[in-house]
Amino acid sequence: MAQGKTRDLDGMLVALVGGTGFFGTHLAQELLARGARLRVCSRHPERAFRVKPLGGLGQTQLVAVDVLKPHTVAVALTGVDAVVNLVGAFAGNLDGLQGAGVGALAQAAKDAGAKAFVHVSALGANAGSDVAYARTKAEGEVAVLAAFPTATVVRPSILFGEDDNFLNMFGGLVSKLPVVPVFGPDAKLQPVFVDDAAEAVASALANPLAHGGKTYELAGPEVVTMGQLNRRIAKAAGRSPVFAELPDAVSAAIAALTGWLPGAPITTDQWKLLAAGNVATGTLPGIEALGVNPRPLGLFLDRWMTRYRKFGRFGVKTKAA
């Protein structure tokens, strides 16, 4: 358990719905460190076994839940003090998983007597988008607030961390390929450290009177382009591949022609989201309004990319004494 954390959630029973993924695991650690009791709800609760050692004996409970089956949700939320909805997907029944259907989850939380509800949306949520992911994320926000008006909505940017599938994907590419294609090299991103985003969600739970009914954008302190990000990762990994920065027309064509294939480098929807960028609008309160001072990517990158260096940490040159 982390040291020095304020135990402002001491004894609170929090249900993490869809809490077995990357963000859910980091959020669980933050909540446990602040004294919360957790009920991790997922279709595959066994994936949360790694969470149990993060807290004390009996502090974490694992429950099988399918948000598309209301009776499983009602049982799982019995007696909870707060709920965090982390369910999200890029394919499948998006309306039910993260769109209008999440209103039923918010209603179930209200019926169970929960005093706080945090809905994790996405920075690219857009009701007018022709991309189902972005459109249903926006519709989910509306559905949640209609059922639970004092809910807090957070829109995180791309989350990065030592164990993510974002930086590590690019780290793997620059360490293996002599030529690395870059889709949308000028697309702007504002990635946020996963532990900072977790702290923000925990703070919203700790003070629902101050943060309820509001929407926050969770973004990091710096904006980078895809081209810049790839070059920074390569430098941190001590690699020098050739970057083939693809024009937008070429990227769109590749997505259209190959995106339907298994293992395609990019789909049409992914390309549209990338081209639109992923930065805070500035029209909504940011992560700082939740008491978090976000940390920049550069604070961690050199250390995390050591695994992708030739010979790993033994390939790092040190100055002679």
C-alpha atoms as a PDB file:
ATOM      1  CA  MET A   1       0.000   0.000   0.000  1.00  0.00           C
ATOM      2  CA  ALA A   2       1.244   3.482  -0.867  1.00  0.00           C
ATOM      3  CA  GLN A   3       2.630   5.536   1.990  1.00  0.00           C
ATOM      4  CA  GLY A   4       1.510   9.027   2.960  1.00  0.00           C
ATOM      5  CA  LYS A   5      -1.927   8.870   1.349  1.00  0.00           C
ATOM      6  CA  THR A   6      -4.793  10.747   2.940  1.00  0.00           C
ATOM      7  CA  ARG A   7      -7.321   8.177   4.069  1.00  0.00           C
ATOM      8  CA  ASP A   8     -10.282  10.269   2.985  1.00  0.00           C
ATOM      9  CA  LEU A   9     -12.123   7.194   1.701  1.00  0.00           C
ATOM     10  CA  ASP A  10     -11.668   5.161   4.883  1.00  0.00           C
ATOM     11  CA  GLY A  11     -14.268   2.403   5.074  1.00  0.00           C
ATOM     12  CA  MET A  12     -16.149   3.513   1.941  1.00  0.00           C
ATOM     13  CA  LEU A  13     -17.376   0.599  -0.180  1.00  0.00           C
ATOM     14  CA  VAL A  14     -16.655   1.432  -3.820  1.00  0.00           C
ATOM     15  CA  ALA A  15     -17.798  -0.687  -6.751  1.00  0.00           C
ATOM     16  CA  LEU A  16     -15.414  -0.561  -9.722  1.00  0.00           C
ATOM     17  CA  VAL A  17     -17.527  -1.643 -12.681  1.00  0.00           C
ATOM     18  CA  GLY A  18     -15.259  -2.841 -15.458  1.00  0.00           C
ATOM     19  CA  GLY A  19     -12.326  -2.532 -13.088  1.00  0.00           C
ATOM     20  CA  THR A  20      -9.991  -5.274 -14.319  1.00  0.00           C
ATOM     21  CA  GLY A  21      -8.145  -3.349 -17.025  1.00  0.00           C
ATOM     22  CA  PHE A  22      -5.123  -1.049 -17.073  1.00  0.00           C
ATOM     23  CA  PHE A  23      -6.849   1.987 -15.574  1.00  0.00           C
ATOM     24  CA  GLY A  24      -8.932  -0.117 -13.198  1.00  0.00           C
ATOM     25  CA  THR A  25      -5.863  -1.740 -11.648  1.00  0.00           C
ATOM     26  CA  HIS A  26      -4.143   1.596 -11.045  1.00  0.00           C
ATOM     27  CA  LEU A  27      -7.349   3.148  -9.724  1.00  0.00           C
ATOM     28  CA  ALA A  28      -7.837   0.203  -7.367  1.00  0.00           C
ATOM     29  CA  GLN A  29      -4.415   0.792  -5.859  1.00  0.00           C
ATOM     30  CA  GLU A  30      -5.183   4.493  -5.335  1.00  0.00           C
ATOM     31  CA  LEU A  31      -8.534   3.772  -3.676  1.00  0.00           C
ATOM     32  CA  LEU A  32      -7.133   1.054  -1.439  1.00  0.00           C
ATOM     33  CA  ALA A  33      -4.323   3.369  -0.329  1.00  0.00           C
ATOM     34  CA  ARG A  34      -6.935   5.931   0.668  1.00  0.00           C
ATOM     35  CA  GLY A  35      -8.776   3.405   2.815  1.00  0.00           C
ATOM     36  CA  ALA A  36     -11.647   2.334   0.551  1.00  0.00           C
ATOM     37  CA  ARG A  37     -13.077  -1.154   0.412  1.00  0.00           C
ATOM     38  CA  LEU A  38     -13.401  -2.387  -3.165  1.00  0.00           C
ATOM     39  CA  ARG A  39     -15.880  -4.510  -5.038  1.00  0.00           C
ATOM     40  CA  VAL A  40     -14.341  -5.129  -8.451  1.00  0.00           C
ATOM     41  CA  CYS A  41     -17.137  -5.958 -10.894  1.00  0.00           C
ATOM     42  CA  SER A  42     -16.379  -7.558 -14.234  1.00  0.00           C
ATOM     43  CA  ARG A  43     -17.450 -10.264 -16.657  1.00  0.00           C
ATOM     44  CA  HIS A  44     -14.038 -11.777 -15.908  1.00  0.00           C
ATOM     45  CA  PRO A  45     -13.397 -11.098 -12.215  1.00  0.00           C
ATOM     46  CA  GLU A  46     -10.492 -13.547 -12.206  1.00  0.00           C
ATOM     47  CA  ARG A  47      -8.500 -10.901 -14.087  1.00  0.00           C
ATOM     48  CA  ALA A  48      -8.547  -8.807 -10.902  1.00  0.00           C
ATOM     49  CA  PHE A  49      -6.741 -11.403  -8.783  1.00  0.00           C
ATOM     50  CA  ARG A  50      -3.626  -9.206  -8.964  1.00  0.00           C
ATOM     51  CA  VAL A  51      -5.555  -6.431  -7.205  1.00  0.00           C
ATOM     52  CA  LYS A  52      -6.223  -8.378  -3.997  1.00  0.00           C
ATOM     53  CA  PRO A  53      -2.653  -8.221  -2.623  1.00  0.00           C
ATOM     54  CA  LEU A  54      -2.681  -4.430  -2.999  1.00  0.00           C
ATOM     55  CA  GLY A  55      -4.972  -4.010   0.009  1.00  0.00           C
ATOM     56  CA  GLY A  56      -5.493  -5.505   3.413  1.00  0.00           C
ATOM     57  CA  LEU A  57      -7.201  -8.785   4.252  1.00  0.00           C
ATOM     58  CA  GLY A  58     -10.840  -8.637   3.144  1.00  0.00           C
ATOM     59  CA  GLN A  59     -10.471  -5.155   1.635  1.00  0.00           C
ATOM     60  CA  THR A  60     -11.161  -6.332  -1.929  1.00  0.00           C
ATOM     61  CA  GLN A  61     -14.041  -8.391  -3.263  1.00  0.00           C
ATOM     62  CA  LEU A  62     -14.391  -9.753  -6.810  1.00  0.00           C
ATOM     63  CA  VAL A  63     -17.859 -10.080  -8.362  1.00  0.00           C
ATOM     64  CA  ALA A  64     -19.008 -11.378 -11.753  1.00  0.00           C
ATOM     65  CA  VAL A  65     -21.118  -8.705 -13.490  1.00  0.00           C
ATOM     66  CA  ASP A  66     -22.364  -8.141 -17.030  1.00  0.00           C
ATOM     67  CA  VAL A  67     -23.604  -4.572 -17.487  1.00  0.00           C
ATOM     68  CA  LEU A  68     -25.897  -5.818 -20.266  1.00  0.00           C
ATOM     69  CA  LYS A  69     -27.681  -8.019 -17.703  1.00  0.00           C
ATOM     70  CA  PRO A  70     -29.357  -5.680 -15.168  1.00  0.00           C
ATOM     71  CA  HIS A  71     -30.029  -8.381 -12.559  1.00  0.00           C
ATOM     72  CA  THR A  72     -26.263  -8.984 -12.142  1.00  0.00           C
ATOM     73  CA  VAL A  73     -25.694  -5.256 -11.706  1.00  0.00           C
ATOM     74  CA  ALA A  74     -28.381  -4.858  -9.033  1.00  0.00           C
ATOM     75  CA  VAL A  75     -26.884  -7.644  -6.934  1.00  0.00           C
ATOM     76  CA  ALA A  76     -23.333  -6.326  -7.283  1.00  0.00           C
ATOM     77  CA  LEU A  77     -24.257  -2.812  -6.159  1.00  0.00           C
ATOM     78  CA  THR A  78     -26.073  -3.857  -3.009  1.00  0.00           C
ATOM     79  CA  GLY A  79     -24.850  -1.783  -0.073  1.00  0.00           C
ATOM     80  CA  VAL A  80     -22.263   0.280  -1.969  1.00  0.00           C
ATOM     81  CA  ASP A  81     -21.357   3.830  -0.997  1.00  0.00           C
ATOM     82  CA  ALA A  82     -19.987   4.802  -4.395  1.00  0.00           C
ATOM     83  CA  VAL A  83     -19.639   3.503  -7.947  1.00  0.00           C
ATOM     84  CA  VAL A  84     -17.040   4.109 -10.649  1.00  0.00           C
ATOM     85  CA  ASN A  85     -17.970   3.085 -14.179  1.00  0.00           C
ATOM     86  CA  LEU A  86     -14.925   2.128 -16.248  1.00  0.00           C
ATOM     87  CA  VAL A  87     -16.691   0.064 -18.918  1.00  0.00           C
ATOM     88  CA  GLY A  88     -15.632   0.934 -22.446  1.00  0.00           C
ATOM     89  CA  ALA A  89     -15.143  -0.772 -25.787  1.00  0.00           C
ATOM     90  CA  PHE A  90     -14.320  -0.063 -29.424  1.00  0.00           C
ATOM     91  CA  ALA A  91     -16.542  -2.802 -30.835  1.00  0.00           C
ATOM     92  CA  GLY A  92     -19.662  -4.766 -29.952  1.00  0.00           C
ATOM     93  CA  ASN A  93     -22.835  -3.372 -28.414  1.00  0.00           C
ATOM     94  CA  LEU A  94     -21.442   0.117 -27.851  1.00  0.00           C
ATOM     95  CA  ASP A  95     -24.854   1.620 -27.152  1.00  0.00           C
ATOM     96  CA  GLY A  96     -25.392  -0.826 -24.306  1.00  0.00           C
ATOM     97  CA  LEU A  97     -21.830  -0.861 -22.991  1.00  0.00           C
ATOM     98  CA  GLN A  98     -20.970   2.817 -23.009  1.00  0.00           C
ATOM     99  CA  GLY A  99     -23.880   4.672 -24.588  1.00  0.00           C
ATOM    100  CA  ALA A 100     -27.493   5.071 -23.515  1.00  0.00           C
ATOM    101  CA  GLY A 101     -27.319   1.716 -21.730  1.00  0.00           C
ATOM    102  CA  VAL A 102     -25.066   3.036 -18.965  1.00  0.00           C
ATOM    103  CA  GLY A 103     -28.006   5.074 -17.735  1.00  0.00           C
ATOM    104  CA  ALA A 104     -29.323   1.796 -16.306  1.00  0.00           C
ATOM    105  CA  LEU A 105     -26.097   1.360 -14.354  1.00  0.00           C
ATOM    106  CA  ALA A 106     -26.349   4.876 -12.949  1.00  0.00           C
ATOM    107  CA  GLN A 107     -29.983   4.264 -12.013  1.00  0.00           C
ATOM    108  CA  ALA A 108     -29.041   1.012 -10.290  1.00  0.00           C
ATOM    109  CA  ALA A 109     -26.398   2.882  -8.290  1.00  0.00           C
ATOM    110  CA  LYS A 110     -28.939   5.481  -7.248  1.00  0.00           C
ATOM    111  CA  ASP A 111     -31.468   2.802  -6.288  1.00  0.00           C
ATOM    112  CA  ALA A 112     -28.778   1.069  -4.214  1.00  0.00           C
ATOM    113  CA  GLY A 113     -28.265   4.254  -2.202  1.00  0.00           C
ATOM    114  CA  ALA A 114     -24.836   5.198  -3.565  1.00  0.00           C
ATOM    115  CA  LYS A 115     -23.813   8.702  -2.563  1.00  0.00           C
ATOM    116  CA  ALA A 116     -21.262   9.183  -5.336  1.00  0.00           C
ATOM    117  CA  PHE A 117     -20.951   8.056  -8.953  1.00  0.00           C
ATOM    118  CA  VAL A 118     -17.979   8.708 -11.235  1.00  0.00           C
ATOM    119  CA  HIS A 119     -18.385   7.970 -14.921  1.00  0.00           C
ATOM    120  CA  VAL A 120     -15.171   7.533 -16.912  1.00  0.00           C
ATOM    121  CA  SER A 121     -15.829   8.803 -20.404  1.00  0.00           C
ATOM    122  CA  ALA A 122     -13.162   9.921 -22.914  1.00  0.00           C
ATOM    123  CA  LEU A 123     -11.623  13.169 -24.066  1.00  0.00           C
ATOM    124  CA  GLY A 124     -12.890  12.553 -27.598  1.00  0.00           C
ATOM    125  CA  ALA A 125     -16.553  12.148 -26.596  1.00  0.00           C
ATOM    126  CA  ASN A 126     -18.613  13.849 -29.308  1.00  0.00           C
ATOM    127  CA  ALA A 127     -22.333  13.457 -29.856  1.00  0.00           C
ATOM    128  CA  GLY A 128     -21.955  14.622 -33.464  1.00  0.00           C
ATOM    129  CA  SER A 129     -19.187  12.203 -34.418  1.00  0.00           C
ATOM    130  CA  ASP A 130     -19.677   9.579 -37.115  1.00  0.00           C
ATOM    131  CA  VAL A 131     -17.371   7.293 -35.109  1.00  0.00           C
ATOM    132  CA  ALA A 132     -19.521   5.067 -32.899  1.00  0.00           C
ATOM    133  CA  TYR A 133     -16.986   5.068 -30.070  1.00  0.00           C
ATOM    134  CA  ALA A 134     -16.916   8.864 -29.714  1.00  0.00           C
ATOM    135  CA  ARG A 135     -20.669   9.244 -30.247  1.00  0.00           C
ATOM    136  CA  THR A 136     -21.694   6.632 -27.684  1.00  0.00           C
ATOM    137  CA  LYS A 137     -19.222   8.000 -25.129  1.00  0.00           C
ATOM    138  CA  ALA A 138     -21.071  11.322 -25.344  1.00  0.00           C
ATOM    139  CA  GLU A 139     -24.462   9.634 -25.174  1.00  0.00           C
ATOM    140  CA  GLY A 140     -23.328   7.722 -22.107  1.00  0.00           C
ATOM    141  CA  GLU A 141     -22.516  10.962 -20.289  1.00  0.00           C
ATOM    142  CA  VAL A 142     -26.025  12.265 -20.948  1.00  0.00           C
ATOM    143  CA  ALA A 143     -27.622   8.993 -19.804  1.00  0.00           C
ATOM    144  CA  VAL A 144     -25.597   8.902 -16.580  1.00  0.00           C
ATOM    145  CA  LEU A 145     -26.420  12.473 -15.599  1.00  0.00           C
ATOM    146  CA  ALA A 146     -30.099  11.963 -16.397  1.00  0.00           C
ATOM    147  CA  ALA A 147     -30.274   9.029 -13.979  1.00  0.00           C
ATOM    148  CA  PHE A 148     -27.773  10.297 -11.389  1.00  0.00           C
ATOM    149  CA  PRO A 149     -27.646  14.135 -11.620  1.00  0.00           C
ATOM    150  CA  THR A 150     -24.919  14.451  -8.991  1.00  0.00           C
ATOM    151  CA  ALA A 151     -22.575  12.070 -10.838  1.00  0.00           C
ATOM    152  CA  THR A 152     -19.110  13.280 -11.809  1.00  0.00           C
ATOM    153  CA  VAL A 153     -17.995  12.748 -15.407  1.00  0.00           C
ATOM    154  CA  VAL A 154     -14.284  12.572 -16.197  1.00  0.00           C
ATOM    155  CA  ARG A 155     -12.887  12.601 -19.717  1.00  0.00           C
ATOM    156  CA  PRO A 156      -9.340  11.215 -19.643  1.00  0.00           C
ATOM    157  CA  SER A 157      -6.949  11.658 -22.520  1.00  0.00           C
ATOM    158  CA  ILE A 158      -4.768   8.742 -23.598  1.00  0.00           C
ATOM    159  CA  LEU A 159      -3.458   7.140 -20.421  1.00  0.00           C
ATOM    160  CA  PHE A 160       0.211   6.280 -20.161  1.00  0.00           C
ATOM    161  CA  GLY A 161       2.072   4.200 -17.609  1.00  0.00           C
ATOM    162  CA  GLU A 162       4.958   1.792 -17.275  1.00  0.00           C
ATOM    163  CA  ASP A 163       2.664  -1.168 -17.969  1.00  0.00           C
ATOM    164  CA  ASP A 164       0.489   0.396 -20.683  1.00  0.00           C
ATOM    165  CA  ASN A 165      -0.216  -0.790 -24.225  1.00  0.00           C
ATOM    166  CA  PHE A 166       0.517   2.657 -25.646  1.00  0.00           C
ATOM    167  CA  LEU A 167       4.145   3.597 -24.985  1.00  0.00           C
ATOM    168  CA  ASN A 168       5.135  -0.049 -24.943  1.00  0.00           C
ATOM    169  CA  MET A 169       3.661  -0.645 -28.389  1.00  0.00           C
ATOM    170  CA  PHE A 170       5.792   2.158 -29.854  1.00  0.00           C
ATOM    171  CA  GLY A 171       8.809   1.068 -27.808  1.00  0.00           C
ATOM    172  CA  GLY A 172       8.512  -2.403 -29.281  1.00  0.00           C
ATOM    173  CA  LEU A 173       8.261  -1.022 -32.822  1.00  0.00           C
ATOM    174  CA  VAL A 174      11.304   1.245 -32.604  1.00  0.00           C
ATOM    175  CA  SER A 175      13.360  -1.587 -31.121  1.00  0.00           C
ATOM    176  CA  LYS A 176      12.478  -4.063 -33.883  1.00  0.00           C
ATOM    177  CA  LEU A 177      11.875  -2.161 -37.113  1.00  0.00           C
ATOM    178  CA  PRO A 178      14.481  -0.273 -39.147  1.00  0.00           C
ATOM    179  CA  VAL A 179      11.665   1.779 -40.680  1.00  0.00           C
ATOM    180  CA  VAL A 180       8.677   2.790 -38.547  1.00  0.00           C
ATOM    181  CA  PRO A 181       5.526   4.129 -40.253  1.00  0.00           C
ATOM    182  CA  VAL A 182       3.892   7.050 -38.459  1.00  0.00           C
ATOM    183  CA  PHE A 183       0.185   7.567 -39.023  1.00  0.00           C
ATOM    184  CA  GLY A 184      -0.996  11.138 -38.499  1.00  0.00           C
ATOM    185  CA  PRO A 185       2.437  12.572 -37.648  1.00  0.00           C
ATOM    186  CA  ASP A 186       0.944  16.016 -37.006  1.00  0.00           C
ATOM    187  CA  ALA A 187      -1.990  14.741 -34.898  1.00  0.00           C
ATOM    188  CA  LYS A 188      -1.875  16.297 -31.428  1.00  0.00           C
ATOM    189  CA  LEU A 189      -2.114  14.291 -28.205  1.00  0.00           C
ATOM    190  CA  GLN A 190      -2.130  15.315 -24.545  1.00  0.00           C
ATOM    191  CA  PRO A 191      -1.472  12.037 -22.707  1.00  0.00           C
ATOM    192  CA  VAL A 192      -2.015  11.851 -18.956  1.00  0.00           C
ATOM    193  CA  PHE A 193      -0.165   9.690 -16.430  1.00  0.00           C
ATOM    194  CA  VAL A 194      -2.490   6.896 -15.320  1.00  0.00           C
ATOM    195  CA  ASP A 195      -1.744   7.403 -11.617  1.00  0.00           C
ATOM    196  CA  ASP A 196      -2.615  11.095 -11.904  1.00  0.00           C
ATOM    197  CA  ALA A 197      -5.939  10.185 -13.516  1.00  0.00           C
ATOM    198  CA  ALA A 198      -6.561   7.661 -10.728  1.00  0.00           C
ATOM    199  CA  GLU A 199      -5.884  10.317  -8.096  1.00  0.00           C
ATOM    200  CA  ALA A 200      -8.371  12.625  -9.810  1.00  0.00           C
ATOM    201  CA  VAL A 201     -11.136  10.000  -9.760  1.00  0.00           C
ATOM    202  CA  ALA A 202     -10.459   9.229  -6.094  1.00  0.00           C
ATOM    203  CA  SER A 203     -10.679  12.928  -5.245  1.00  0.00           C
ATOM    204  CA  ALA A 204     -14.053  13.174  -7.003  1.00  0.00           C
ATOM    205  CA  LEU A 205     -15.314  10.245  -4.922  1.00  0.00           C
ATOM    206  CA  ALA A 206     -14.011  11.786  -1.709  1.00  0.00           C
ATOM    207  CA  ASN A 207     -15.936  15.031  -2.215  1.00  0.00           C
ATOM    208  CA  PRO A 208     -19.113  14.436  -4.261  1.00  0.00           C
ATOM    209  CA  LEU A 209     -20.695  17.649  -2.955  1.00  0.00           C
ATOM    210  CA  ALA A 210     -17.964  19.718  -4.604  1.00  0.00           C
ATOM    211  CA  HIS A 211     -17.538  17.688  -7.781  1.00  0.00           C
ATOM    212  CA  GLY A 212     -20.964  16.146  -8.406  1.00  0.00           C
ATOM    213  CA  GLY A 213     -22.800  17.215 -11.552  1.00  0.00           C
ATOM    214  CA  LYS A 214     -19.576  18.432 -13.169  1.00  0.00           C
ATOM    215  CA  THR A 215     -17.476  17.227 -16.106  1.00  0.00           C
ATOM    216  CA  TYR A 216     -13.671  17.328 -15.998  1.00  0.00           C
ATOM    217  CA  GLU A 217     -11.044  16.902 -18.704  1.00  0.00           C
ATOM    218  CA  LEU A 218      -8.109  14.810 -17.491  1.00  0.00           C
ATOM    219  CA  ALA A 219      -5.117  15.686 -19.640  1.00  0.00           C
ATOM    220  CA  GLY A 220      -1.391  15.913 -19.079  1.00  0.00           C
ATOM    221  CA  PRO A 221       0.709  19.089 -18.937  1.00  0.00           C
ATOM    222  CA  GLU A 222       2.135  18.870 -22.467  1.00  0.00           C
ATOM    223  CA  VAL A 223       0.805  18.537 -26.001  1.00  0.00           C
ATOM    224  CA  VAL A 224       2.856  16.413 -28.418  1.00  0.00           C
ATOM    225  CA  THR A 225       2.362  15.338 -32.009  1.00  0.00           C
ATOM    226  CA  MET A 226       2.497  11.697 -33.031  1.00  0.00           C
ATOM    227  CA  GLY A 227       5.756  12.405 -34.855  1.00  0.00           C
ATOM    228  CA  GLN A 228       7.323  14.009 -31.786  1.00  0.00           C
ATOM    229  CA  LEU A 229       6.143  11.178 -29.556  1.00  0.00           C
ATOM    230  CA  ASN A 230       7.701   8.509 -31.769  1.00  0.00           C
ATOM    231  CA  ARG A 231      11.016  10.366 -31.886  1.00  0.00           C
ATOM    232  CA  ARG A 232      11.078  10.884 -28.121  1.00  0.00           C
ATOM    233  CA  ILE A 233      10.410   7.198 -27.495  1.00  0.00           C
ATOM    234  CA  ALA A 234      13.145   6.191 -29.924  1.00  0.00           C
ATOM    235  CA  LYS A 235      15.647   8.532 -28.266  1.00  0.00           C
ATOM    236  CA  ALA A 236      14.774   7.202 -24.805  1.00  0.00           C
ATOM    237  CA  ALA A 237      15.239   3.650 -26.099  1.00  0.00           C
ATOM    238  CA  GLY A 238      18.569   4.502 -27.709  1.00  0.00           C
ATOM    239  CA  ARG A 239      17.251   3.547 -31.144  1.00  0.00           C
ATOM    240  CA  SER A 240      17.577   5.305 -34.510  1.00  0.00           C
ATOM    241  CA  PRO A 241      14.972   3.929 -36.916  1.00  0.00           C
ATOM    242  CA  VAL A 242      13.862   5.806 -40.005  1.00  0.00           C
ATOM    243  CA  PHE A 243      10.413   7.313 -39.438  1.00  0.00           C
ATOM    244  CA  ALA A 244       8.154   7.202 -42.479  1.00  0.00           C
ATOM    245  CA  GLU A 245       5.650   9.965 -41.732  1.00  0.00           C
ATOM    246  CA  LEU A 246       2.603   9.108 -43.815  1.00  0.00           C
ATOM    247  CA  PRO A 247       0.500  11.868 -45.410  1.00  0.00           C
ATOM    248  CA  ASP A 248      -3.081  11.980 -44.178  1.00  0.00           C
ATOM    249  CA  ALA A 249      -4.431  10.790 -47.529  1.00  0.00           C
ATOM    250  CA  VAL A 250      -2.182   7.723 -47.411  1.00  0.00           C
ATOM    251  CA  SER A 251      -3.125   6.962 -43.804  1.00  0.00           C
ATOM    252  CA  ALA A 252      -6.824   7.220 -44.628  1.00  0.00           C
ATOM    253  CA  ALA A 253      -6.397   4.951 -47.649  1.00  0.00           C
ATOM    254  CA  ILE A 254      -4.532   2.296 -45.645  1.00  0.00           C
ATOM    255  CA  ALA A 255      -7.233   2.390 -42.972  1.00  0.00           C
ATOM    256  CA  ALA A 256     -10.011   2.052 -45.558  1.00  0.00           C
ATOM    257  CA  LEU A 257      -8.346  -0.748 -47.527  1.00  0.00           C
ATOM    258  CA  THR A 258      -6.939  -2.871 -44.690  1.00  0.00           C
ATOM    259  CA  GLY A 259      -8.749  -1.783 -41.529  1.00  0.00           C
ATOM    260  CA  TRP A 260     -11.236  -4.624 -41.730  1.00  0.00           C
ATOM    261  CA  LEU A 261      -8.470  -7.255 -41.616  1.00  0.00           C
ATOM    262  CA  PRO A 262      -7.454  -8.926 -38.318  1.00  0.00           C
ATOM    263  CA  GLY A 263      -4.277  -7.295 -37.031  1.00  0.00           C
ATOM    264  CA  ALA A 264      -4.602  -4.287 -39.349  1.00  0.00           C
ATOM    265  CA  PRO A 265      -2.247  -1.418 -38.405  1.00  0.00           C
ATOM    266  CA  ILE A 266      -5.134   1.033 -38.157  1.00  0.00           C
ATOM    267  CA  THR A 267      -8.897   0.977 -38.758  1.00  0.00           C
ATOM    268  CA  THR A 268     -10.988   3.712 -40.318  1.00  0.00           C
ATOM    269  CA  ASP A 269     -12.495   4.657 -36.953  1.00  0.00           C
ATOM    270  CA  GLN A 270      -9.062   4.721 -35.299  1.00  0.00           C
ATOM    271  CA  TRP A 271      -7.762   6.943 -38.073  1.00  0.00           C
ATOM    272  CA  LYS A 272     -10.665   9.370 -37.704  1.00  0.00           C
ATOM    273  CA  LEU A 273     -10.096   9.599 -33.948  1.00  0.00           C
ATOM    274  CA  LEU A 274      -6.367  10.111 -34.412  1.00  0.00           C
ATOM    275  CA  ALA A 275      -6.827  12.756 -37.098  1.00  0.00           C
ATOM    276  CA  ALA A 276      -9.214  14.665 -34.820  1.00  0.00           C
ATOM    277  CA  GLY A 277      -6.530  14.821 -32.133  1.00  0.00           C
ATOM    278  CA  ASN A 278      -6.838  14.134 -28.435  1.00  0.00           C
ATOM    279  CA  VAL A 279      -6.282  17.323 -26.465  1.00  0.00           C
ATOM    280  CA  ALA A 280      -8.240  19.185 -23.816  1.00  0.00           C
ATOM    281  CA  THR A 281     -10.665  21.781 -25.120  1.00  0.00           C
ATOM    282  CA  GLY A 282     -10.060  24.119 -22.207  1.00  0.00           C
ATOM    283  CA  THR A 283     -13.784  24.842 -21.992  1.00  0.00           C
ATOM    284  CA  LEU A 284     -14.211  22.471 -19.037  1.00  0.00           C
ATOM    285  CA  PRO A 285     -12.326  22.293 -15.731  1.00  0.00           C
ATOM    286  CA  GLY A 286      -9.150  20.256 -15.944  1.00  0.00           C
ATOM    287  CA  ILE A 287      -7.400  17.741 -13.750  1.00  0.00           C
ATOM    288  CA  GLU A 288      -5.972  20.558 -11.609  1.00  0.00           C
ATOM    289  CA  ALA A 289      -9.517  21.400 -10.466  1.00  0.00           C
ATOM    290  CA  LEU A 290      -9.543  17.978  -8.799  1.00  0.00           C
ATOM    291  CA  GLY A 291      -6.408  18.840  -6.855  1.00  0.00           C
ATOM    292  CA  VAL A 292      -3.954  16.989  -9.105  1.00  0.00           C
ATOM    293  CA  ASN A 293      -0.751  18.479 -10.512  1.00  0.00           C
ATOM    294  CA  PRO A 294      -0.205  16.273 -13.593  1.00  0.00           C
ATOM    295  CA  ARG A 295       3.266  14.922 -14.250  1.00  0.00           C
ATOM    296  CA  PRO A 296       4.873  15.120 -17.710  1.00  0.00           C
ATOM    297  CA  LEU A 297       5.815  12.129 -19.816  1.00  0.00           C
ATOM    298  CA  GLY A 298       9.450  13.188 -19.805  1.00  0.00           C
ATOM    299  CA  LEU A 299       9.656  12.509 -16.086  1.00  0.00           C
ATOM    300  CA  PHE A 300       9.405   8.768 -16.736  1.00  0.00           C
ATOM    301  CA  LEU A 301      10.269   8.032 -20.356  1.00  0.00           C
ATOM    302  CA  ASP A 302      14.025   7.407 -20.119  1.00  0.00           C
ATOM    303  CA  ARG A 303      13.584   4.920 -17.272  1.00  0.00           C
ATOM    304  CA  TRP A 304      10.629   3.086 -18.781  1.00  0.00           C
ATOM    305  CA  MET A 305      12.223   2.721 -22.232  1.00  0.00           C
ATOM    306  CA  THR A 306      15.357   1.070 -20.840  1.00  0.00           C
ATOM    307  CA  ARG A 307      13.817  -2.329 -21.603  1.00  0.00           C
ATOM    308  CA  TYR A 308      13.827  -1.471 -25.312  1.00  0.00           C
ATOM    309  CA  ARG A 309      17.513  -0.498 -25.424  1.00  0.00           C
ATOM    310  CA  LYS A 310      20.010  -2.866 -26.968  1.00  0.00           C
ATOM    311  CA  PHE A 311      21.263  -4.928 -24.004  1.00  0.00           C
ATOM    312  CA  GLY A 312      18.697  -3.187 -21.765  1.00  0.00           C
ATOM    313  CA  ARG A 313      20.155  -1.396 -18.755  1.00  0.00           C
ATOM    314  CA  PHE A 314      23.574  -2.889 -19.520  1.00  0.00           C
ATOM    315  CA  GLY A 315      23.617  -0.912 -22.751  1.00  0.00           C
ATOM    316  CA  VAL A 316      23.421   2.421 -20.953  1.00  0.00           C
ATOM    317  CA  LYS A 317      26.757   4.220 -21.069  1.00  0.00           C
ATOM    318  CA  THR A 318      27.930   5.757 -17.819  1.00  0.00           C
ATOM    319  CA  LYS A 319      30.575   8.382 -17.292  1.00  0.00           C
ATOM    320  CA  ALA A 320      33.914   7.187 -15.982  1.00  0.00           C
ATOM    321  CA  ALA A 321      34.604   8.036 -12.353  1.00  0.00           C
END
